[in-house]
Amino acid sequence: MQNGLYVTEVLGSGVNLVTGDYSQGATGMWIENGTFTGAVEEITIAGNLKDMYKNIVAVGNDLVFRGSSASPCIRVEGMTIAGS
C-alpha cells in the first residue's frame, strides 16, 4: 500500500446492527510512500459494514492468533478517518 492507515487496534463498540453503520476508535501506523511514518492514536474510523465488505481489495496470508481471535491483514479502500 502506498498511502493509508494500518489499523492495529479498535476500541469500543459502535455498530448499529440494523443499518450497518459503525464508528470506532482506533490506533495504528500511518503509511506514506509504502513506508510506516509514525504512530496514529485517538482517531475514529467510520462507515457502513456493507460498504466496507464490498471495498475489501486484498486479504493477506499473515494469519496471527491473539488469544481467542485471529485475523490476517485486510485492505479496505474508502474508509472515513477522523482525528488529528
PDB file of N, CA and C in Angstrom:
ATOM      1  N   MET A   1       0.844  -1.168   0.000  1.00  0.00           N
ATOM      2  CA  MET A   1       0.000   0.000   0.000  1.00  0.00           C
ATOM      3  C   MET A   1       0.893   1.235   0.000  1.00  0.00           C
ATOM      4  N   GLN A   2       0.625   2.163  -0.861  1.00  0.00           N
ATOM      5  CA  GLN A   2       1.419   3.386  -0.949  1.00  0.00           C
ATOM      6  C   GLN A   2       1.133   4.348   0.201  1.00  0.00           C
ATOM      7  N   ASN A   3      -0.131   4.693   0.416  1.00  0.00           N
ATOM      8  CA  ASN A   3      -0.515   5.650   1.445  1.00  0.00           C
ATOM      9  C   ASN A   3      -1.781   5.183   2.140  1.00  0.00           C
ATOM     10  N   GLY A   4      -1.818   5.328   3.458  1.00  0.00           N
ATOM     11  CA  GLY A   4      -3.017   4.934   4.174  1.00  0.00           C
ATOM     12  C   GLY A   4      -2.746   4.670   5.631  1.00  0.00           C
ATOM     13  N   LEU A   5      -3.683   4.006   6.259  1.00  0.00           N
ATOM     14  CA  LEU A   5      -3.629   3.715   7.687  1.00  0.00           C
ATOM     15  C   LEU A   5      -3.595   2.211   7.912  1.00  0.00           C
ATOM     16  N   TYR A   6      -2.655   1.753   8.721  1.00  0.00           N
ATOM     17  CA  TYR A   6      -2.572   0.353   9.134  1.00  0.00           C
ATOM     18  C   TYR A   6      -3.139   0.309  10.552  1.00  0.00           C
ATOM     19  N   VAL A   7      -4.369  -0.177  10.693  1.00  0.00           N
ATOM     20  CA  VAL A   7      -5.045  -0.216  11.995  1.00  0.00           C
ATOM     21  C   VAL A   7      -4.536  -1.414  12.784  1.00  0.00           C
ATOM     22  N   THR A   8      -4.071  -1.151  14.005  1.00  0.00           N
ATOM     23  CA  THR A   8      -3.577  -2.224  14.864  1.00  0.00           C
ATOM     24  C   THR A   8      -4.538  -2.557  15.994  1.00  0.00           C
ATOM     25  N   GLU A   9      -5.451  -1.639  16.293  1.00  0.00           N
ATOM     26  CA  GLU A   9      -6.393  -1.878  17.390  1.00  0.00           C
ATOM     27  C   GLU A   9      -7.630  -1.009  17.209  1.00  0.00           C
ATOM     28  N   VAL A  10      -8.801  -1.586  17.459  1.00  0.00           N
ATOM     29  CA  VAL A  10     -10.036  -0.816  17.513  1.00  0.00           C
ATOM     30  C   VAL A  10     -10.542  -0.824  18.939  1.00  0.00           C
ATOM     31  N   LEU A  11     -11.185   0.271  19.315  1.00  0.00           N
ATOM     32  CA  LEU A  11     -11.616   0.462  20.697  1.00  0.00           C
ATOM     33  C   LEU A  11     -13.115   0.690  20.768  1.00  0.00           C
ATOM     34  N   GLY A  12     -13.765   0.041  21.711  1.00  0.00           N
ATOM     35  CA  GLY A  12     -15.192   0.262  21.912  1.00  0.00           C
ATOM     36  C   GLY A  12     -16.048  -0.500  20.924  1.00  0.00           C
ATOM     37  N   SER A  13     -17.334  -0.306  21.067  1.00  0.00           N
ATOM     38  CA  SER A  13     -18.300  -0.969  20.202  1.00  0.00           C
ATOM     39  C   SER A  13     -19.280   0.068  19.708  1.00  0.00           C
ATOM     40  N   GLY A  14     -19.232   0.388  18.436  1.00  0.00           N
ATOM     41  CA  GLY A  14     -20.105   1.406  17.885  1.00  0.00           C
ATOM     42  C   GLY A  14     -20.736   0.969  16.590  1.00  0.00           C
ATOM     43  N   VAL A  15     -21.447  -0.164  16.609  1.00  0.00           N
ATOM     44  CA  VAL A  15     -22.061  -0.692  15.394  1.00  0.00           C
ATOM     45  C   VAL A  15     -23.573  -0.720  15.560  1.00  0.00           C
ATOM     46  N   ASN A  16     -24.286  -0.159  14.584  1.00  0.00           N
ATOM     47  CA  ASN A  16     -25.740  -0.249  14.542  1.00  0.00           C
ATOM     48  C   ASN A  16     -26.071  -1.496  13.736  1.00  0.00           C
ATOM     49  N   LEU A  17     -26.570  -2.529  14.392  1.00  0.00           N
ATOM     50  CA  LEU A  17     -26.821  -3.803  13.720  1.00  0.00           C
ATOM     51  C   LEU A  17     -27.977  -3.744  12.731  1.00  0.00           C
ATOM     52  N   VAL A  18     -28.818  -2.726  12.806  1.00  0.00           N
ATOM     53  CA  VAL A  18     -29.928  -2.586  11.870  1.00  0.00           C
ATOM     54  C   VAL A  18     -29.454  -1.966  10.560  1.00  0.00           C
ATOM     55  N   THR A  19     -28.696  -0.870  10.650  1.00  0.00           N
ATOM     56  CA  THR A  19     -28.269  -0.156   9.443  1.00  0.00           C
ATOM     57  C   THR A  19     -26.886  -0.572   8.951  1.00  0.00           C
ATOM     58  N   GLY A  20     -26.057  -1.119   9.848  1.00  0.00           N
ATOM     59  CA  GLY A  20     -24.691  -1.473   9.497  1.00  0.00           C
ATOM     60  C   GLY A  20     -23.703  -0.338   9.676  1.00  0.00           C
ATOM     61  N   ASP A  21     -24.184   0.827  10.095  1.00  0.00           N
ATOM     62  CA  ASP A  21     -23.278   1.958  10.322  1.00  0.00           C
ATOM     63  C   ASP A  21     -22.414   1.688  11.543  1.00  0.00           C
ATOM     64  N   TYR A  22     -21.147   2.105  11.464  1.00  0.00           N
ATOM     65  CA  TYR A  22     -20.265   1.915  12.603  1.00  0.00           C
ATOM     66  C   TYR A  22     -19.343   3.110  12.763  1.00  0.00           C
ATOM     67  N   SER A  23     -18.857   3.271  13.963  1.00  0.00           N
ATOM     68  CA  SER A  23     -17.881   4.300  14.297  1.00  0.00           C
ATOM     69  C   SER A  23     -17.112   3.775  15.496  1.00  0.00           C
ATOM     70  N   GLN A  24     -15.795   3.628  15.343  1.00  0.00           N
ATOM     71  CA  GLN A  24     -14.984   3.078  16.426  1.00  0.00           C
ATOM     72  C   GLN A  24     -13.678   3.838  16.547  1.00  0.00           C
ATOM     73  N   GLY A  25     -13.209   3.942  17.779  1.00  0.00           N
ATOM     74  CA  GLY A  25     -11.880   4.494  17.999  1.00  0.00           C
ATOM     75  C   GLY A  25     -10.846   3.520  17.479  1.00  0.00           C
ATOM     76  N   ALA A  26      -9.702   4.045  17.066  1.00  0.00           N
ATOM     77  CA  ALA A  26      -8.661   3.172  16.513  1.00  0.00           C
ATOM     78  C   ALA A  26      -7.280   3.753  16.772  1.00  0.00           C
ATOM     79  N   THR A  27      -6.291   2.863  16.739  1.00  0.00           N
ATOM     80  CA  THR A  27      -4.883   3.254  16.764  1.00  0.00           C
ATOM     81  C   THR A  27      -4.182   2.468  15.670  1.00  0.00           C
ATOM     82  N   GLY A  28      -3.020   2.944  15.257  1.00  0.00           N
ATOM     83  CA  GLY A  28      -2.296   2.228  14.225  1.00  0.00           C
ATOM     84  C   GLY A  28      -1.063   2.974  13.777  1.00  0.00           C
ATOM     85  N   MET A  29      -0.680   2.731  12.533  1.00  0.00           N
ATOM     86  CA  MET A  29       0.507   3.340  11.942  1.00  0.00           C
ATOM     87  C   MET A  29       0.118   3.986  10.609  1.00  0.00           C
ATOM     88  N   TRP A  30       0.640   5.200  10.364  1.00  0.00           N
ATOM     89  CA  TRP A  30       0.394   5.870   9.097  1.00  0.00           C
ATOM     90  C   TRP A  30       1.439   5.415   8.088  1.00  0.00           C
ATOM     91  N   ILE A  31       1.013   5.233   6.823  1.00  0.00           N
ATOM     92  CA  ILE A  31       1.901   4.781   5.755  1.00  0.00           C
ATOM     93  C   ILE A  31       1.964   5.862   4.678  1.00  0.00           C
ATOM     94  N   GLU A  32       3.184   6.253   4.305  1.00  0.00           N
ATOM     95  CA  GLU A  32       3.397   7.176   3.187  1.00  0.00           C
ATOM     96  C   GLU A  32       4.473   6.590   2.284  1.00  0.00           C
ATOM     97  N   ASN A  33       4.185   6.579   0.984  1.00  0.00           N
ATOM     98  CA  ASN A  33       5.114   6.019   0.001  1.00  0.00           C
ATOM     99  C   ASN A  33       5.565   4.609   0.364  1.00  0.00           C
ATOM    100  N   GLY A  34       4.628   3.804   0.898  1.00  0.00           N
ATOM    101  CA  GLY A  34       4.904   2.416   1.221  1.00  0.00           C
ATOM    102  C   GLY A  34       5.709   2.178   2.480  1.00  0.00           C
ATOM    103  N   THR A  35       5.943   3.240   3.285  1.00  0.00           N
ATOM    104  CA  THR A  35       6.754   3.127   4.494  1.00  0.00           C
ATOM    105  C   THR A  35       5.977   3.618   5.713  1.00  0.00           C
ATOM    106  N   PHE A  36       6.090   2.894   6.820  1.00  0.00           N
ATOM    107  CA  PHE A  36       5.485   3.364   8.062  1.00  0.00           C
ATOM    108  C   PHE A  36       6.176   4.655   8.473  1.00  0.00           C
ATOM    109  N   THR A  37       5.388   5.716   8.728  1.00  0.00           N
ATOM    110  CA  THR A  37       5.985   7.012   9.051  1.00  0.00           C
ATOM    111  C   THR A  37       5.706   7.455  10.482  1.00  0.00           C
ATOM    112  N   GLY A  38       4.829   6.783  11.210  1.00  0.00           N
ATOM    113  CA  GLY A  38       4.599   7.168  12.592  1.00  0.00           C
ATOM    114  C   GLY A  38       3.325   6.567  13.153  1.00  0.00           C
ATOM    115  N   ALA A  39       3.257   6.596  14.479  1.00  0.00           N
ATOM    116  CA  ALA A  39       2.090   6.063  15.182  1.00  0.00           C
ATOM    117  C   ALA A  39       0.910   7.028  15.074  1.00  0.00           C
ATOM    118  N   VAL A  40      -0.289   6.466  15.039  1.00  0.00           N
ATOM    119  CA  VAL A  40      -1.521   7.242  14.993  1.00  0.00           C
ATOM    120  C   VAL A  40      -2.378   6.793  16.168  1.00  0.00           C
ATOM    121  N   GLU A  41      -2.839   7.766  16.970  1.00  0.00           N
ATOM    122  CA  GLU A  41      -3.662   7.452  18.136  1.00  0.00           C
ATOM    123  C   GLU A  41      -4.885   8.351  18.168  1.00  0.00           C
ATOM    124  N   GLU A  42      -5.870   7.939  18.936  1.00  0.00           N
ATOM    125  CA  GLU A  42      -7.069   8.734  19.189  1.00  0.00           C
ATOM    126  C   GLU A  42      -7.747   9.207  17.913  1.00  0.00           C
ATOM    127  N   ILE A  43      -7.949   8.279  16.985  1.00  0.00           N
ATOM    128  CA  ILE A  43      -8.676   8.585  15.763  1.00  0.00           C
ATOM    129  C   ILE A  43      -9.965   7.774  15.752  1.00  0.00           C
ATOM    130  N   THR A  44     -10.825   8.085  14.821  1.00  0.00           N
ATOM    131  CA  THR A  44     -12.079   7.359  14.645  1.00  0.00           C
ATOM    132  C   THR A  44     -12.155   6.867  13.208  1.00  0.00           C
ATOM    133  N   ILE A  45     -12.520   5.611  13.037  1.00  0.00           N
ATOM    134  CA  ILE A  45     -12.819   5.087  11.701  1.00  0.00           C
ATOM    135  C   ILE A  45     -14.327   4.867  11.656  1.00  0.00           C
ATOM    136  N   ALA A  46     -14.931   5.165  10.512  1.00  0.00           N
ATOM    137  CA  ALA A  46     -16.388   5.089  10.422  1.00  0.00           C
ATOM    138  C   ALA A  46     -16.798   4.675   9.013  1.00  0.00           C
ATOM    139  N   GLY A  47     -18.006   4.178   8.907  1.00  0.00           N
ATOM    140  CA  GLY A  47     -18.542   3.791   7.615  1.00  0.00           C
ATOM    141  C   GLY A  47     -19.743   2.880   7.796  1.00  0.00           C
ATOM    142  N   ASN A  48     -19.966   2.050   6.804  1.00  0.00           N
ATOM    143  CA  ASN A  48     -21.061   1.096   6.814  1.00  0.00           C
ATOM    144  C   ASN A  48     -20.477  -0.287   6.542  1.00  0.00           C
ATOM    145  N   LEU A  49     -20.877  -1.276   7.319  1.00  0.00           N
ATOM    146  CA  LEU A  49     -20.318  -2.622   7.179  1.00  0.00           C
ATOM    147  C   LEU A  49     -20.506  -3.189   5.773  1.00  0.00           C
ATOM    148  N   LYS A  50     -21.676  -2.968   5.186  1.00  0.00           N
ATOM    149  CA  LYS A  50     -21.934  -3.480   3.833  1.00  0.00           C
ATOM    150  C   LYS A  50     -20.940  -2.868   2.839  1.00  0.00           C
ATOM    151  N   ASP A  51     -20.737  -1.555   2.939  1.00  0.00           N
ATOM    152  CA  ASP A  51     -19.778  -0.885   2.057  1.00  0.00           C
ATOM    153  C   ASP A  51     -18.354  -1.351   2.338  1.00  0.00           C
ATOM    154  N   MET A  52     -18.022  -1.525   3.619  1.00  0.00           N
ATOM    155  CA  MET A  52     -16.683  -1.970   3.973  1.00  0.00           C
ATOM    156  C   MET A  52     -16.387  -3.332   3.345  1.00  0.00           C
ATOM    157  N   TYR A  53     -17.313  -4.266   3.459  1.00  0.00           N
ATOM    158  CA  TYR A  53     -17.100  -5.594   2.879  1.00  0.00           C
ATOM    159  C   TYR A  53     -16.992  -5.528   1.355  1.00  0.00           C
ATOM    160  N   LYS A  54     -17.766  -4.644   0.718  1.00  0.00           N
ATOM    161  CA  LYS A  54     -17.694  -4.502  -0.740  1.00  0.00           C
ATOM    162  C   LYS A  54     -16.378  -3.884  -1.180  1.00  0.00           C
ATOM    163  N   ASN A  55     -15.715  -3.131  -0.287  1.00  0.00           N
ATOM    164  CA  ASN A  55     -14.479  -2.433  -0.633  1.00  0.00           C
ATOM    165  C   ASN A  55     -13.210  -3.152  -0.181  1.00  0.00           C
ATOM    166  N   ILE A  56     -13.326  -4.429   0.197  1.00  0.00           N
ATOM    167  CA  ILE A  56     -12.129  -5.218   0.503  1.00  0.00           C
ATOM    168  C   ILE A  56     -11.422  -5.500  -0.818  1.00  0.00           C
ATOM    169  N   VAL A  57     -10.151  -5.072  -0.905  1.00  0.00           N
ATOM    170  CA  VAL A  57      -9.398  -5.257  -2.146  1.00  0.00           C
ATOM    171  C   VAL A  57      -8.271  -6.275  -2.013  1.00  0.00           C
ATOM    172  N   ALA A  58      -7.932  -6.651  -0.771  1.00  0.00           N
ATOM    173  CA  ALA A  58      -6.877  -7.647  -0.582  1.00  0.00           C
ATOM    174  C   ALA A  58      -6.992  -8.274   0.804  1.00  0.00           C
ATOM    175  N   VAL A  59      -6.633  -9.548   0.882  1.00  0.00           N
ATOM    176  CA  VAL A  59      -6.567 -10.267   2.157  1.00  0.00           C
ATOM    177  C   VAL A  59      -5.195 -10.917   2.222  1.00  0.00           C
ATOM    178  N   GLY A  60      -4.461 -10.648   3.313  1.00  0.00           N
ATOM    179  CA  GLY A  60      -3.100 -11.162   3.451  1.00  0.00           C
ATOM    180  C   GLY A  60      -3.063 -12.637   3.809  1.00  0.00           C
ATOM    181  N   ASN A  61      -1.863 -13.194   3.757  1.00  0.00           N
ATOM    182  CA  ASN A  61      -1.647 -14.587   4.152  1.00  0.00           C
ATOM    183  C   ASN A  61      -0.872 -14.644   5.465  1.00  0.00           C
ATOM    184  N   ASP A  62      -1.114 -13.647   6.325  1.00  0.00           N
ATOM    185  CA  ASP A  62      -0.364 -13.492   7.570  1.00  0.00           C
ATOM    186  C   ASP A  62      -1.238 -13.694   8.805  1.00  0.00           C
ATOM    187  N   LEU A  63      -2.032 -14.737   8.803  1.00  0.00           N
ATOM    188  CA  LEU A  63      -2.934 -15.015   9.917  1.00  0.00           C
ATOM    189  C   LEU A  63      -2.162 -15.104  11.230  1.00  0.00           C
ATOM    190  N   VAL A  64      -2.618 -14.340  12.214  1.00  0.00           N
ATOM    191  CA  VAL A  64      -1.960 -14.302  13.521  1.00  0.00           C
ATOM    192  C   VAL A  64      -3.006 -14.561  14.600  1.00  0.00           C
ATOM    193  N   PHE A  65      -2.720 -15.513  15.489  1.00  0.00           N
ATOM    194  CA  PHE A  65      -3.629 -15.797  16.603  1.00  0.00           C
ATOM    195  C   PHE A  65      -3.233 -14.949  17.795  1.00  0.00           C
ATOM    196  N   ARG A  66      -4.210 -14.209  18.331  1.00  0.00           N
ATOM    197  CA  ARG A  66      -4.022 -13.416  19.549  1.00  0.00           C
ATOM    198  C   ARG A  66      -5.138 -13.794  20.509  1.00  0.00           C
ATOM    199  N   GLY A  67      -4.837 -14.685  21.409  1.00  0.00           N
ATOM    200  CA  GLY A  67      -5.879 -15.162  22.323  1.00  0.00           C
ATOM    201  C   GLY A  67      -6.886 -16.011  21.578  1.00  0.00           C
ATOM    202  N   SER A  68      -8.168 -15.663  21.706  1.00  0.00           N
ATOM    203  CA  SER A  68      -9.219 -16.477  21.101  1.00  0.00           C
ATOM    204  C   SER A  68      -9.637 -15.968  19.725  1.00  0.00           C
ATOM    205  N   SER A  69      -8.992 -14.923  19.210  1.00  0.00           N
ATOM    206  CA  SER A  69      -9.363 -14.413  17.889  1.00  0.00           C
ATOM    207  C   SER A  69      -8.151 -14.395  16.967  1.00  0.00           C
ATOM    208  N   ALA A  70      -8.436 -14.392  15.675  1.00  0.00           N
ATOM    209  CA  ALA A  70      -7.358 -14.374  14.689  1.00  0.00           C
ATOM    210  C   ALA A  70      -7.844 -13.679  13.432  1.00  0.00           C
ATOM    211  N   SER A  71      -6.929 -12.972  12.759  1.00  0.00           N
ATOM    212  CA  SER A  71      -7.273 -12.315  11.505  1.00  0.00           C
ATOM    213  C   SER A  71      -6.009 -12.018  10.705  1.00  0.00           C
ATOM    214  N   PRO A  72      -6.071 -12.231   9.383  1.00  0.00           N
ATOM    215  CA  PRO A  72      -4.960 -11.761   8.561  1.00  0.00           C
ATOM    216  C   PRO A  72      -5.162 -10.260   8.298  1.00  0.00           C
ATOM    217  N   CYS A  73      -4.185  -9.622   7.702  1.00  0.00           N
ATOM    218  CA  CYS A  73      -4.357  -8.227   7.279  1.00  0.00           C
ATOM    219  C   CYS A  73      -5.429  -8.178   6.199  1.00  0.00           C
ATOM    220  N   ILE A  74      -6.282  -7.171   6.273  1.00  0.00           N
ATOM    221  CA  ILE A  74      -7.333  -6.973   5.274  1.00  0.00           C
ATOM    222  C   ILE A  74      -7.235  -5.528   4.790  1.00  0.00           C
ATOM    223  N   ARG A  75      -7.144  -5.333   3.480  1.00  0.00           N
ATOM    224  CA  ARG A  75      -7.063  -3.982   2.928  1.00  0.00           C
ATOM    225  C   ARG A  75      -8.439  -3.549   2.456  1.00  0.00           C
ATOM    226  N   VAL A  76      -8.900  -2.421   3.015  1.00  0.00           N
ATOM    227  CA  VAL A  76     -10.212  -1.869   2.683  1.00  0.00           C
ATOM    228  C   VAL A  76      -9.995  -0.464   2.153  1.00  0.00           C
ATOM    229  N   GLU A  77     -10.546  -0.159   0.996  1.00  0.00           N
ATOM    230  CA  GLU A  77     -10.436   1.185   0.428  1.00  0.00           C
ATOM    231  C   GLU A  77     -11.669   2.009   0.761  1.00  0.00           C
ATOM    232  N   GLY A  78     -11.472   3.311   0.897  1.00  0.00           N
ATOM    233  CA  GLY A  78     -12.592   4.245   1.021  1.00  0.00           C
ATOM    234  C   GLY A  78     -13.181   4.406   2.409  1.00  0.00           C
ATOM    235  N   MET A  79     -12.446   4.054   3.450  1.00  0.00           N
ATOM    236  CA  MET A  79     -12.967   4.238   4.803  1.00  0.00           C
ATOM    237  C   MET A  79     -12.789   5.686   5.232  1.00  0.00           C
ATOM    238  N   THR A  80     -13.637   6.155   6.133  1.00  0.00           N
ATOM    239  CA  THR A  80     -13.542   7.503   6.674  1.00  0.00           C
ATOM    240  C   THR A  80     -12.702   7.482   7.936  1.00  0.00           C
ATOM    241  N   ILE A  81     -11.717   8.389   8.003  1.00  0.00           N
ATOM    242  CA  ILE A  81     -10.842   8.503   9.158  1.00  0.00           C
ATOM    243  C   ILE A  81     -10.956   9.916   9.694  1.00  0.00           C
ATOM    244  N   ALA A  82     -11.135  10.062  11.007  1.00  0.00           N
ATOM    245  CA  ALA A  82     -11.211  11.388  11.633  1.00  0.00           C
ATOM    246  C   ALA A  82     -10.277  11.448  12.824  1.00  0.00           C
ATOM    247  N   GLY A  83      -9.678  12.593  13.030  1.00  0.00           N
ATOM    248  CA  GLY A  83      -8.780  12.795  14.157  1.00  0.00           C
ATOM    249  C   GLY A  83      -7.662  13.739  13.759  1.00  0.00           C
ATOM    250  N   SER A  84      -6.806  14.063  14.720  1.00  0.00           N
ATOM    251  CA  SER A  84      -5.706  14.984  14.401  1.00  0.00           C
ATOM    252  C   SER A  84      -4.377  14.361  14.730  1.00  0.00           C
TER     253      SER A  84
END
